[in-house]
N, C-alpha and C. Protein backbone atom coordinates (compact mmCIF):
# COMPACT_ATOMS: atom_id res chain seq x y z
N MET A 1 -25.04 11.24 -4.03
CA MET A 1 -23.94 11.55 -4.22
C MET A 1 -23.15 10.76 -5.27
N ALA A 2 -22.58 11.31 -6.51
CA ALA A 2 -22.04 10.56 -7.58
C ALA A 2 -20.65 10.15 -7.34
N HIS A 3 -20.30 9.11 -7.70
CA HIS A 3 -18.89 8.67 -7.56
C HIS A 3 -18.18 8.38 -9.17
N GLY A 4 -16.81 8.43 -9.01
CA GLY A 4 -16.11 8.19 -10.47
C GLY A 4 -16.53 6.61 -10.84
N PRO A 5 -16.30 6.40 -11.73
CA PRO A 5 -16.52 5.24 -12.31
C PRO A 5 -15.77 4.10 -11.67
N CYS A 6 -14.50 4.37 -10.98
CA CYS A 6 -13.85 3.66 -10.54
C CYS A 6 -13.85 3.32 -8.84
N PHE A 7 -14.70 4.05 -8.56
CA PHE A 7 -14.95 4.30 -7.00
C PHE A 7 -15.18 2.78 -6.44
N ALA A 8 -15.99 1.92 -6.88
CA ALA A 8 -16.16 0.58 -6.19
C ALA A 8 -14.97 -0.22 -6.33
N GLU A 9 -14.02 -0.10 -7.38
CA GLU A 9 -12.72 -0.62 -7.43
C GLU A 9 -11.93 -0.11 -6.50
N ARG A 10 -11.67 1.18 -6.03
CA ARG A 10 -10.92 1.78 -5.38
C ARG A 10 -11.27 1.45 -3.84
N ILE A 11 -12.42 1.51 -3.68
CA ILE A 11 -12.99 0.97 -2.26
C ILE A 11 -12.45 -0.52 -1.91
N SER A 12 -12.95 -1.37 -3.02
CA SER A 12 -12.70 -2.60 -2.57
C SER A 12 -11.08 -2.84 -2.49
N TRP A 13 -10.04 -2.21 -3.23
CA TRP A 13 -8.77 -2.35 -3.05
C TRP A 13 -8.25 -1.80 -1.77
N ILE A 14 -8.81 -0.73 -1.17
CA ILE A 14 -8.44 -0.17 0.32
C ILE A 14 -9.02 -1.13 1.23
N VAL A 15 -10.38 -1.66 1.24
CA VAL A 15 -10.69 -2.65 2.15
C VAL A 15 -9.89 -4.13 2.10
N ALA A 16 -9.52 -4.44 0.96
CA ALA A 16 -8.73 -5.39 1.03
C ALA A 16 -7.29 -5.44 1.58
N SER A 17 -6.80 -4.54 1.44
CA SER A 17 -5.62 -3.96 1.83
C SER A 17 -5.26 -3.85 3.44
N LEU A 18 -6.63 -3.22 3.94
CA LEU A 18 -6.55 -3.27 5.41
C LEU A 18 -6.87 -4.36 6.03
N SER A 19 -7.92 -5.25 5.24
CA SER A 19 -8.22 -6.62 5.64
C SER A 19 -6.69 -7.39 6.04
N ALA A 20 -5.97 -7.33 5.07
CA ALA A 20 -4.63 -7.93 5.05
C ALA A 20 -4.01 -7.67 6.38
N LEU A 21 -4.00 -6.31 6.78
CA LEU A 21 -3.32 -5.62 7.99
C LEU A 21 -3.76 -6.29 8.88
N LEU A 22 -5.11 -6.32 9.02
CA LEU A 22 -5.79 -6.76 10.32
C LEU A 22 -5.42 -8.40 10.59
N LEU A 23 -5.35 -9.25 9.40
CA LEU A 23 -5.06 -10.58 9.56
C LEU A 23 -3.59 -10.62 9.91
N ALA A 24 -2.70 -9.78 9.61
CA ALA A 24 -1.35 -9.82 9.77
C ALA A 24 -1.04 -9.37 11.25
N GLY A 25 -2.08 -8.67 11.82
CA GLY A 25 -1.93 -8.22 13.20
C GLY A 25 -0.63 -7.32 13.39
N SER A 26 -0.20 -6.48 12.51
CA SER A 26 1.17 -5.79 12.55
C SER A 26 0.75 -4.60 12.48
N ALA A 27 -0.12 -3.87 11.89
CA ALA A 27 -0.24 -2.48 11.85
C ALA A 27 -0.86 -1.81 13.13
N PRO A 28 -0.53 -0.61 13.48
CA PRO A 28 -1.11 0.05 14.58
C PRO A 28 -2.52 0.40 14.27
N ALA A 29 -3.04 0.79 15.37
CA ALA A 29 -4.70 0.74 15.37
C ALA A 29 -5.22 1.90 14.21
N GLU A 30 -4.43 3.06 14.28
CA GLU A 30 -4.85 4.39 13.69
C GLU A 30 -4.81 4.07 12.26
N THR A 31 -4.17 3.22 11.74
CA THR A 31 -4.26 3.04 10.27
C THR A 31 -5.01 2.02 9.92
N LEU A 32 -5.78 1.35 10.64
CA LEU A 32 -6.70 0.21 10.46
C LEU A 32 -8.16 0.71 9.92
N ALA A 33 -8.45 2.06 10.00
CA ALA A 33 -9.61 2.51 9.73
C ALA A 33 -10.01 2.45 8.35
N THR A 34 -10.98 2.09 7.84
CA THR A 34 -11.16 2.00 6.31
C THR A 34 -11.41 3.28 5.81
N ARG A 35 -10.40 3.82 5.17
CA ARG A 35 -10.66 5.51 4.49
C ARG A 35 -11.06 5.34 2.81
N SER A 36 -12.09 5.55 2.66
CA SER A 36 -12.99 5.69 1.43
C SER A 36 -12.19 6.68 0.55
N PHE A 37 -12.14 6.71 -0.88
CA PHE A 37 -12.01 7.93 -1.63
C PHE A 37 -12.21 7.68 -2.91
N SER A 38 -12.63 8.60 -3.65
CA SER A 38 -12.81 8.83 -5.07
C SER A 38 -12.40 10.10 -5.79
N LEU A 39 -11.91 9.78 -7.03
CA LEU A 39 -11.33 10.96 -7.84
C LEU A 39 -12.37 11.77 -8.61
N ALA A 40 -11.84 12.71 -9.22
CA ALA A 40 -12.92 13.54 -10.13
C ALA A 40 -12.91 12.63 -11.35
N ASN A 41 -14.09 12.90 -12.11
CA ASN A 41 -14.40 12.11 -13.37
C ASN A 41 -13.33 12.81 -14.41
N ASP A 42 -12.77 14.07 -14.10
CA ASP A 42 -11.98 14.81 -14.93
C ASP A 42 -10.63 14.18 -14.86
N PRO A 43 -10.21 13.45 -16.07
CA PRO A 43 -8.67 12.97 -15.96
C PRO A 43 -7.64 13.97 -15.62
N SER A 44 -7.94 14.97 -16.19
CA SER A 44 -6.80 16.32 -15.88
C SER A 44 -6.80 16.97 -14.60
N ALA A 45 -7.99 16.44 -13.97
CA ALA A 45 -8.10 17.25 -12.26
C ALA A 45 -6.98 16.72 -11.71
N VAL A 46 -6.44 17.77 -10.82
CA VAL A 46 -5.14 17.73 -10.00
C VAL A 46 -5.63 17.15 -8.74
N VAL A 47 -4.80 15.92 -8.49
CA VAL A 47 -5.54 15.37 -7.17
C VAL A 47 -4.34 15.71 -6.19
N LEU A 48 -3.11 15.86 -6.11
CA LEU A 48 -2.37 16.30 -5.37
C LEU A 48 -0.95 17.12 -5.99
N HIS A 49 -0.84 18.13 -5.30
CA HIS A 49 0.39 18.89 -5.85
C HIS A 49 1.17 19.07 -4.48
N LEU A 50 2.62 18.93 -4.90
CA LEU A 50 3.67 19.12 -3.65
C LEU A 50 4.52 20.09 -4.36
N SER A 51 4.85 21.20 -3.40
CA SER A 51 6.01 22.14 -3.72
C SER A 51 6.91 22.51 -2.73
N GLU A 52 8.06 22.84 -2.71
CA GLU A 52 9.09 22.80 -1.79
C GLU A 52 10.11 24.54 -2.20
N GLN A 53 9.86 25.17 -1.33
CA GLN A 53 10.46 26.40 -1.20
C GLN A 53 11.68 26.34 -0.41
N PHE A 54 12.85 26.70 -1.16
CA PHE A 54 14.31 26.88 -0.43
C PHE A 54 14.79 28.13 -0.10
N GLU A 55 14.68 28.35 1.02
CA GLU A 55 15.20 29.89 1.44
C GLU A 55 16.25 30.46 0.39
N GLU A 56 17.23 29.39 0.05
CA GLU A 56 18.35 29.92 -0.50
C GLU A 56 18.14 30.33 -2.12
N LEU A 57 16.89 29.54 -2.54
CA LEU A 57 16.65 29.97 -3.80
C LEU A 57 15.73 31.09 -4.30
N ALA A 58 16.25 31.94 -4.99
CA ALA A 58 15.27 32.96 -5.49
C ALA A 58 14.04 32.58 -5.97
N SER A 59 14.10 31.67 -6.93
CA SER A 59 12.84 31.03 -7.68
C SER A 59 12.34 29.86 -6.97
N PRO A 60 11.22 29.40 -7.24
CA PRO A 60 10.59 28.62 -6.69
C PRO A 60 11.18 27.18 -6.82
N GLY A 61 11.14 26.20 -5.56
CA GLY A 61 11.66 24.92 -5.83
C GLY A 61 10.68 23.88 -6.59
N PRO A 62 11.57 22.58 -6.53
CA PRO A 62 10.67 21.43 -7.35
C PRO A 62 9.40 21.50 -6.81
N THR A 63 8.57 20.84 -7.70
CA THR A 63 7.31 20.45 -7.75
C THR A 63 6.74 19.09 -8.15
N LEU A 64 5.79 18.55 -7.57
CA LEU A 64 5.11 17.34 -7.98
C LEU A 64 3.58 17.47 -8.07
N THR A 65 3.14 17.12 -9.33
CA THR A 65 1.67 17.20 -9.51
C THR A 65 1.15 15.77 -9.87
N LEU A 66 0.18 15.24 -9.39
CA LEU A 66 -0.24 14.02 -9.48
C LEU A 66 -1.98 14.45 -10.26
N TYR A 67 -2.20 13.75 -11.24
CA TYR A 67 -3.53 13.90 -11.87
C TYR A 67 -4.41 12.72 -11.68
N ALA A 68 -5.82 12.79 -11.74
CA ALA A 68 -6.49 11.92 -11.74
C ALA A 68 -6.41 10.73 -12.81
N ASP A 69 -5.79 10.83 -13.84
CA ASP A 69 -5.84 9.74 -14.72
C ASP A 69 -4.32 9.04 -14.43
N GLY A 70 -3.70 9.37 -13.29
CA GLY A 70 -2.29 9.05 -12.98
C GLY A 70 -1.01 9.17 -13.40
N ARG A 71 -1.28 10.63 -14.30
CA ARG A 71 -0.07 11.50 -14.79
C ARG A 71 0.62 11.89 -13.76
N LEU A 72 1.85 11.76 -13.67
CA LEU A 72 2.85 12.34 -12.58
C LEU A 72 3.80 13.31 -13.38
N VAL A 73 3.76 14.49 -12.99
CA VAL A 73 4.76 15.64 -13.48
C VAL A 73 5.60 16.31 -12.51
N VAL A 74 6.98 16.20 -12.80
CA VAL A 74 7.89 16.57 -11.90
C VAL A 74 8.56 17.73 -12.62
N GLU A 75 8.51 18.86 -11.77
CA GLU A 75 9.35 20.06 -12.54
C GLU A 75 10.42 20.57 -11.32
N TYR A 76 11.66 20.67 -11.93
CA TYR A 76 12.75 20.97 -11.30
C TYR A 76 13.24 22.58 -11.85
N PRO A 77 13.42 23.61 -11.02
CA PRO A 77 13.60 24.96 -11.54
C PRO A 77 15.03 25.06 -12.18
N PRO A 78 15.33 25.88 -12.90
CA PRO A 78 16.65 26.12 -13.81
C PRO A 78 17.95 25.98 -12.80
N VAL A 79 17.55 26.67 -11.66
CA VAL A 79 18.75 26.64 -10.90
C VAL A 79 19.26 25.34 -10.07
N MET A 80 18.40 24.20 -10.42
CA MET A 80 18.87 23.02 -9.72
C MET A 80 19.35 22.06 -10.91
N LYS A 81 20.47 21.12 -10.50
CA LYS A 81 20.92 20.37 -11.41
C LYS A 81 20.16 19.58 -12.13
N ARG A 82 19.08 19.11 -11.57
CA ARG A 82 17.86 18.33 -12.53
C ARG A 82 16.96 19.32 -13.53
N ALA A 83 17.28 20.44 -13.69
CA ALA A 83 16.55 21.44 -14.23
C ALA A 83 15.61 20.80 -15.65
N GLY A 84 14.21 20.93 -15.36
CA GLY A 84 13.37 20.46 -16.32
C GLY A 84 12.32 20.01 -15.84
N THR A 85 11.38 19.46 -16.77
CA THR A 85 10.09 18.64 -16.57
C THR A 85 10.15 17.44 -16.87
N TYR A 86 9.68 16.63 -15.94
CA TYR A 86 9.76 14.90 -16.10
C TYR A 86 8.15 14.36 -15.93
N GLU A 87 7.97 13.43 -16.60
CA GLU A 87 6.64 12.90 -16.72
C GLU A 87 6.70 11.22 -16.52
N ARG A 88 5.71 10.63 -16.04
CA ARG A 88 5.53 9.06 -16.08
C ARG A 88 4.18 8.87 -15.71
N ARG A 89 3.30 7.81 -16.20
CA ARG A 89 2.10 7.66 -15.91
C ARG A 89 1.93 6.34 -14.91
N LEU A 90 1.34 6.60 -13.78
CA LEU A 90 1.24 5.47 -12.85
C LEU A 90 -0.34 4.71 -13.11
N ALA A 91 -0.21 3.37 -13.12
CA ALA A 91 -1.16 2.65 -13.38
C ALA A 91 -2.39 2.55 -12.07
N ALA A 92 -3.60 2.47 -12.41
CA ALA A 92 -4.42 2.61 -11.69
C ALA A 92 -4.41 1.97 -10.07
N SER A 93 -3.81 0.84 -10.23
CA SER A 93 -3.41 0.18 -8.85
C SER A 93 -2.31 0.82 -7.99
N GLU A 94 -1.24 1.55 -8.82
CA GLU A 94 -0.37 2.21 -8.07
C GLU A 94 -1.00 3.64 -7.67
N LEU A 95 -1.37 4.21 -8.51
CA LEU A 95 -2.22 5.60 -8.33
C LEU A 95 -2.85 5.23 -6.74
N ASN A 96 -3.87 4.29 -6.62
CA ASN A 96 -4.80 4.02 -5.46
C ASN A 96 -3.84 3.79 -4.50
N ALA A 97 -2.66 2.85 -4.49
CA ALA A 97 -1.91 2.31 -3.53
C ALA A 97 -1.16 3.57 -3.01
N THR A 98 -0.90 4.42 -3.93
CA THR A 98 -0.22 5.80 -3.41
C THR A 98 -1.05 6.62 -2.53
N LEU A 99 -2.26 6.82 -2.96
CA LEU A 99 -3.15 7.79 -2.32
C LEU A 99 -3.51 7.05 -0.93
N ALA A 100 -3.78 5.82 -1.06
CA ALA A 100 -3.95 5.19 0.21
C ALA A 100 -2.87 5.04 1.32
N SER A 101 -1.61 5.11 0.91
CA SER A 101 -0.52 5.18 1.84
C SER A 101 -0.64 6.68 2.16
N LEU A 102 -0.78 7.62 1.52
CA LEU A 102 -0.66 8.82 1.98
C LEU A 102 -1.70 9.45 3.06
N LEU A 103 -3.15 8.65 2.67
CA LEU A 103 -4.02 9.38 3.72
C LEU A 103 -3.97 8.39 4.91
N ASP A 104 -3.38 7.16 4.98
CA ASP A 104 -3.07 6.34 6.27
C ASP A 104 -2.26 7.04 7.01
N LYS A 105 -1.63 7.95 6.48
CA LYS A 105 -0.52 8.79 7.06
C LYS A 105 -1.07 10.27 7.58
N GLY A 106 -2.35 10.20 7.36
CA GLY A 106 -2.89 11.59 8.13
C GLY A 106 -3.36 12.59 7.10
N LEU A 107 -2.84 12.71 5.77
CA LEU A 107 -2.95 13.94 5.04
C LEU A 107 -4.53 14.59 4.90
N GLY A 108 -5.48 13.36 4.94
CA GLY A 108 -6.78 13.94 5.13
C GLY A 108 -7.14 14.71 6.18
N GLU A 109 -6.73 14.23 7.46
CA GLU A 109 -7.00 14.96 8.64
C GLU A 109 -5.87 15.94 9.29
N PHE A 110 -4.75 16.14 8.57
CA PHE A 110 -3.73 17.02 9.31
C PHE A 110 -4.29 18.26 9.58
N ASP A 111 -3.93 18.77 11.01
CA ASP A 111 -4.24 20.09 11.19
C ASP A 111 -3.06 20.55 11.66
N ALA A 112 -2.42 21.77 11.02
CA ALA A 112 -1.24 22.40 11.27
C ALA A 112 -1.31 22.85 12.65
N ARG A 113 -2.22 23.78 13.22
CA ARG A 113 -2.39 24.34 14.57
C ARG A 113 -2.46 23.41 15.53
N VAL A 114 -3.05 22.15 15.37
CA VAL A 114 -2.99 20.98 16.33
C VAL A 114 -1.41 20.59 16.38
N ALA A 115 -0.91 20.42 15.45
CA ALA A 115 0.41 19.86 14.96
C ALA A 115 1.37 20.76 15.82
N ARG A 116 1.39 22.14 15.54
CA ARG A 116 2.10 23.43 16.16
C ARG A 116 2.01 23.22 17.83
N ALA A 117 0.81 23.13 18.05
CA ALA A 117 0.61 23.12 19.53
C ALA A 117 1.10 21.81 20.35
N ARG A 118 1.13 20.79 19.72
CA ARG A 118 1.77 19.60 20.25
C ARG A 118 3.14 19.60 20.25
N LYS A 119 3.90 20.22 19.13
CA LYS A 119 5.19 20.31 19.14
C LYS A 119 5.55 21.33 20.56
N GLU A 120 5.03 22.36 20.74
CA GLU A 120 5.30 22.99 21.62
C GLU A 120 5.28 22.44 23.03
N GLN A 121 4.26 21.85 23.01
CA GLN A 121 4.06 20.96 24.44
C GLN A 121 5.02 20.07 24.55
N ALA A 122 5.60 19.33 23.62
CA ALA A 122 6.69 18.30 23.63
C ALA A 122 7.73 19.14 23.99
N ALA A 123 8.06 20.27 23.40
CA ALA A 123 9.29 21.02 23.98
C ALA A 123 9.31 21.45 25.25
N ARG A 124 8.03 21.89 25.92
CA ARG A 124 7.99 22.51 27.15
C ARG A 124 8.10 21.05 28.10
N ALA A 125 7.54 20.05 27.68
CA ALA A 125 7.83 18.87 28.66
C ALA A 125 9.13 18.30 28.75
N ARG A 126 9.88 18.44 27.66
CA ARG A 126 11.29 18.25 27.59
C ARG A 126 12.24 19.28 28.70
N MET A 127 11.68 20.26 28.68
CA MET A 127 12.40 21.26 29.33
C MET A 127 12.10 21.10 30.81
N ARG A 128 10.94 20.51 31.10
CA ARG A 128 10.35 20.44 32.58
C ARG A 128 11.21 19.26 33.19
N ALA A 129 11.40 18.43 32.06
CA ALA A 129 11.96 17.04 32.49
C ALA A 129 13.49 17.16 32.62
N ARG A 130 14.23 18.15 31.98
CA ARG A 130 15.50 18.42 31.88
C ARG A 130 15.78 19.07 33.35
N ALA A 131 14.75 19.83 33.73
CA ALA A 131 15.26 20.62 34.86
C ALA A 131 15.31 19.65 36.01
N VAL A 132 14.37 18.66 36.12
CA VAL A 132 14.49 17.89 37.18
C VAL A 132 15.70 16.69 37.05
N ASP A 133 15.77 16.15 35.76
CA ASP A 133 16.90 15.35 35.61
C ASP A 133 17.82 15.59 34.55
N PRO A 134 18.85 16.15 34.86
CA PRO A 134 19.91 16.66 33.79
C PRO A 134 20.06 15.80 32.42
N SER A 135 19.86 14.53 32.85
CA SER A 135 20.26 13.55 31.72
C SER A 135 19.42 13.28 30.94
N ALA A 136 18.05 13.85 31.01
CA ALA A 136 17.10 13.63 30.41
C ALA A 136 17.25 14.42 28.92
N PRO A 137 16.43 13.88 27.88
CA PRO A 137 16.76 14.48 26.65
C PRO A 137 15.90 15.87 26.66
N GLY A 138 16.86 16.67 26.17
CA GLY A 138 16.66 18.12 25.94
C GLY A 138 16.11 18.44 24.53
N LEU A 139 16.02 19.93 24.19
CA LEU A 139 15.60 20.08 22.84
C LEU A 139 16.59 20.02 21.93
N PRO A 140 16.23 19.36 20.71
CA PRO A 140 17.10 19.44 19.39
C PRO A 140 18.15 20.32 19.40
N VAL A 141 19.34 20.07 18.95
CA VAL A 141 20.29 20.87 18.57
C VAL A 141 20.12 21.70 17.40
N TYR A 142 19.94 23.00 17.51
CA TYR A 142 19.23 23.85 16.35
C TYR A 142 19.92 23.56 15.20
N GLU A 143 19.48 23.09 14.19
CA GLU A 143 19.79 22.73 12.76
C GLU A 143 18.90 23.66 11.75
N SER A 144 19.44 24.47 10.89
CA SER A 144 19.01 25.30 9.67
C SER A 144 18.10 24.40 9.00
N ASP A 145 16.80 24.69 8.86
CA ASP A 145 15.99 23.54 7.64
C ASP A 145 15.02 24.86 7.24
N ALA A 146 15.51 25.66 6.36
CA ALA A 146 14.55 26.73 5.91
C ALA A 146 13.77 26.38 4.57
N THR A 147 13.14 25.13 4.27
CA THR A 147 12.67 24.71 3.66
C THR A 147 11.22 24.64 3.71
N THR A 148 10.39 25.38 2.97
CA THR A 148 8.86 25.27 3.37
C THR A 148 8.10 24.44 2.38
N THR A 149 7.55 23.51 2.93
CA THR A 149 6.73 22.63 2.27
C THR A 149 5.14 22.84 1.91
N ARG A 150 4.59 22.58 0.80
CA ARG A 150 3.17 22.97 0.69
C ARG A 150 2.38 21.48 -0.06
N ILE A 151 1.53 21.07 0.55
CA ILE A 151 0.80 20.09 -0.07
C ILE A 151 -0.72 20.56 -0.64
N GLU A 152 -1.17 20.31 -1.54
CA GLU A 152 -2.60 20.40 -1.83
C GLU A 152 -3.05 18.90 -2.34
N LEU A 153 -4.19 18.79 -1.55
CA LEU A 153 -4.85 17.42 -1.65
C LEU A 153 -6.33 17.75 -2.05
N LYS A 154 -6.77 17.08 -3.31
CA LYS A 154 -8.17 17.08 -3.70
C LYS A 154 -8.73 15.98 -3.94
N LEU A 155 -9.80 15.63 -3.34
CA LEU A 155 -10.61 14.26 -3.62
C LEU A 155 -11.96 14.53 -4.07
N ALA A 156 -12.84 13.87 -4.96
CA ALA A 156 -14.00 14.19 -5.11
C ALA A 156 -14.68 13.68 -3.68
N ALA A 157 -14.15 12.61 -3.25
CA ALA A 157 -14.97 12.25 -1.67
C ALA A 157 -13.86 11.70 -1.16
N TYR A 158 -13.79 11.90 0.30
CA TYR A 158 -13.10 11.31 1.11
C TYR A 158 -13.83 11.11 2.61
N ALA A 159 -13.47 9.84 3.08
CA ALA A 159 -13.96 9.82 4.56
C ALA A 159 -13.37 8.50 5.21
N VAL A 160 -13.30 8.49 6.41
CA VAL A 160 -12.82 7.37 7.11
C VAL A 160 -14.17 6.87 7.54
N ASP A 161 -15.20 7.01 7.51
CA ASP A 161 -16.52 6.30 7.78
C ASP A 161 -17.20 6.40 6.30
N PRO A 162 -17.49 5.65 5.25
CA PRO A 162 -17.60 5.68 4.20
C PRO A 162 -19.24 6.25 3.95
N ALA A 163 -20.06 6.17 4.96
CA ALA A 163 -21.42 6.89 5.14
C ALA A 163 -20.91 8.31 4.95
N ALA A 164 -20.13 8.87 5.42
CA ALA A 164 -20.17 10.48 5.66
C ALA A 164 -18.97 10.97 4.86
N ALA A 165 -19.01 10.46 3.71
CA ALA A 165 -18.14 10.80 2.60
C ALA A 165 -18.46 12.16 2.13
N ARG A 166 -17.40 12.96 1.87
CA ARG A 166 -17.45 14.28 1.28
C ARG A 166 -16.36 15.00 0.73
N PRO A 167 -16.12 15.92 -0.24
CA PRO A 167 -15.10 16.37 -1.11
C PRO A 167 -14.30 16.87 -0.05
N LEU A 168 -12.81 16.64 -0.36
CA LEU A 168 -11.62 16.94 0.13
C LEU A 168 -10.89 17.78 -0.45
N ASP A 169 -10.85 18.92 0.01
CA ASP A 169 -9.75 20.11 -0.62
C ASP A 169 -8.96 20.83 0.58
N ARG A 170 -7.76 20.15 0.79
CA ARG A 170 -6.69 20.64 2.18
C ARG A 170 -5.49 20.88 1.72
N THR A 171 -5.17 22.12 2.20
CA THR A 171 -3.55 22.75 1.93
C THR A 171 -3.08 22.54 3.26
N ILE A 172 -1.91 22.06 3.24
CA ILE A 172 -0.84 21.90 4.37
C ILE A 172 0.48 22.70 4.02
N VAL A 173 0.86 23.59 4.84
CA VAL A 173 2.03 23.97 4.66
C VAL A 173 2.92 24.24 6.22
N TRP A 174 4.10 23.59 5.90
CA TRP A 174 4.86 23.47 7.01
C TRP A 174 6.54 23.73 6.66
N SER A 175 6.95 24.66 7.65
CA SER A 175 8.41 25.02 7.41
C SER A 175 9.30 24.24 8.27
N GLY A 176 10.45 23.82 7.84
CA GLY A 176 11.28 22.88 8.56
C GLY A 176 10.66 21.56 9.05
N LEU A 177 10.06 20.77 7.90
CA LEU A 177 9.57 19.23 8.36
C LEU A 177 10.52 18.45 8.31
N ARG A 178 11.61 18.37 7.50
CA ARG A 178 12.57 17.35 7.72
C ARG A 178 13.17 17.18 9.18
N THR A 179 13.44 18.53 9.81
CA THR A 179 13.91 18.32 11.01
C THR A 179 12.94 18.27 12.13
N ASP A 180 11.71 18.69 12.10
CA ASP A 180 10.79 18.64 12.93
C ASP A 180 10.21 17.01 13.07
N GLY A 181 10.19 16.58 11.94
CA GLY A 181 9.64 15.14 11.67
C GLY A 181 10.60 14.27 12.60
N ARG A 182 11.89 14.42 12.20
CA ARG A 182 13.00 13.64 13.23
C ARG A 182 13.15 14.12 14.59
N ASP A 183 12.93 15.37 14.89
CA ASP A 183 13.36 15.53 16.29
C ASP A 183 12.29 15.67 17.16
N PHE A 184 10.74 15.44 16.71
CA PHE A 184 9.90 15.24 17.59
C PHE A 184 8.99 14.21 17.30
N PRO A 185 9.65 13.05 17.99
CA PRO A 185 8.90 11.69 17.49
C PRO A 185 7.60 11.57 18.55
N GLU A 186 7.54 12.43 19.57
CA GLU A 186 6.36 12.80 20.35
C GLU A 186 5.18 13.23 19.73
N VAL A 187 5.21 13.67 18.33
CA VAL A 187 4.28 14.29 17.63
C VAL A 187 3.95 13.41 16.58
N PRO A 188 3.05 12.53 16.62
CA PRO A 188 2.95 11.66 15.69
C PRO A 188 2.60 12.13 14.09
N GLU A 189 1.83 13.28 14.26
CA GLU A 189 1.24 13.98 12.99
C GLU A 189 2.33 14.29 12.17
N LEU A 190 3.64 14.88 13.03
CA LEU A 190 4.67 15.61 12.34
C LEU A 190 5.37 14.16 11.65
N VAL A 191 5.59 13.06 12.44
CA VAL A 191 6.27 11.99 11.95
C VAL A 191 5.68 11.44 10.70
N ALA A 192 4.26 11.34 10.91
CA ALA A 192 3.66 10.94 9.79
C ALA A 192 3.66 12.00 8.38
N LEU A 193 3.73 13.12 8.61
CA LEU A 193 3.36 14.23 7.57
C LEU A 193 4.77 14.20 6.94
N ALA A 194 5.82 14.02 7.93
CA ALA A 194 7.37 13.86 7.11
C ALA A 194 7.46 12.33 6.48
N ASP A 195 6.89 11.65 6.85
CA ASP A 195 7.01 10.22 6.19
C ASP A 195 6.25 10.34 4.76
N ALA A 196 5.17 10.96 4.81
CA ALA A 196 4.42 11.39 3.42
C ALA A 196 5.23 12.10 2.51
N VAL A 197 5.85 12.91 2.84
CA VAL A 197 6.56 13.94 2.15
C VAL A 197 7.92 12.98 1.55
N ALA A 198 8.42 12.23 2.27
CA ALA A 198 9.45 11.27 1.97
C ALA A 198 9.07 10.39 0.94
N LEU A 199 7.95 9.92 1.06
CA LEU A 199 7.48 9.21 -0.20
C LEU A 199 7.20 9.61 -1.36
N LEU A 200 6.87 11.00 -1.25
CA LEU A 200 6.58 11.94 -2.67
C LEU A 200 7.96 12.29 -3.04
N ARG A 201 9.02 12.46 -2.19
CA ARG A 201 10.18 12.73 -2.91
C ARG A 201 10.85 11.69 -3.64
N GLN A 202 10.63 10.38 -3.05
CA GLN A 202 10.83 9.25 -3.69
C GLN A 202 10.48 9.04 -5.02
N MET A 203 9.10 9.63 -5.49
CA MET A 203 8.35 9.48 -6.28
C MET A 203 9.04 10.43 -7.38
N MET A 204 9.52 11.66 -6.92
CA MET A 204 9.97 12.82 -7.60
C MET A 204 11.62 12.27 -8.13
N ASN A 205 12.02 11.15 -7.70
CA ASN A 205 13.42 10.80 -8.00
C ASN A 205 13.44 9.28 -8.81
N SER A 206 12.17 9.01 -9.15
CA SER A 206 12.02 7.62 -9.66
C SER A 206 12.71 7.38 -10.96
N PRO A 207 13.34 6.57 -11.21
CA PRO A 207 13.99 6.16 -12.50
C PRO A 207 13.04 6.24 -13.55
N GLU A 208 11.92 5.86 -13.48
CA GLU A 208 10.82 5.60 -14.45
C GLU A 208 10.27 7.16 -15.14
N LEU A 209 10.76 8.02 -14.57
CA LEU A 209 10.55 9.39 -14.87
C LEU A 209 11.25 9.98 -16.30
N ALA A 210 10.51 10.36 -17.31
CA ALA A 210 11.06 10.55 -18.65
C ALA A 210 11.19 12.07 -18.57
N LYS A 211 12.30 12.92 -19.02
CA LYS A 211 12.46 14.16 -19.12
C LYS A 211 11.47 14.68 -20.21
N VAL A 212 10.73 15.60 -20.52
CA VAL A 212 10.09 15.89 -21.58
C VAL A 212 10.38 17.21 -22.11
N ARG A 213 11.15 18.07 -21.26
CA ARG A 213 11.41 19.07 -21.64
C ARG A 213 12.41 19.99 -20.39
C-alpha cells in the first residue's frame, strides 16, 4: 500500500504525542491506542467537511472544509451575520494535531446506530431508576435543538493497528448533537462527537481566518 510523502512524519508525531500521554499517566485508556493515518497525495483532496443545517434557515447553514494541503475554508450563508467565505492555511504540524485530536475522539469509528441505541438504553435506565427512587436523575428537560450536523471524513489510510491500515471514508449525521452531548454523559460516543464538533466550531471562529469573498 502506498503512503503519502509525509506518512512517516505523521506517524512519528502521533506516536510521540501518545507516548507523552502514557508517561504523564493522565489520559484515559481509550485515547492511548496508536492511531495511524495518511492523507491523499493530491493537495486539493478534501480531508474533512462539516456542515450544519438549522431548521429555521431555508438555506444551508455554515460549512467547514479542510484540504490535504492544510487549506481551511469556512463558508457562512448570506442569512448569517458573518456571511461570506473565509480561508487560512494550517501548518503541517497543526493539520496533524487537529486530525489526531479528532480521531482520538472517535470520528474514525463512530457508529450512529450504536450511539442511538445506547442513548435509548440510557433513557430507559433513567426511567427505571426514577421509578424506584424519585430523587434519581430523570430524562433531560426538553430543549429544542433542530440543528443537523454532518461530518465527512476521508483519509488515504487509517487504523488503530498500523498493520491493518485501510482507506477511510466515513459520513456521520446527527440531529440535536449539542443537547445530546450535554444531556447524555452515559453515552461516551455522543460526548466525544460533541467535543469534536466543538473543536471544529472553534476553528470556524478563528481570528486567523481571512475573508476572501
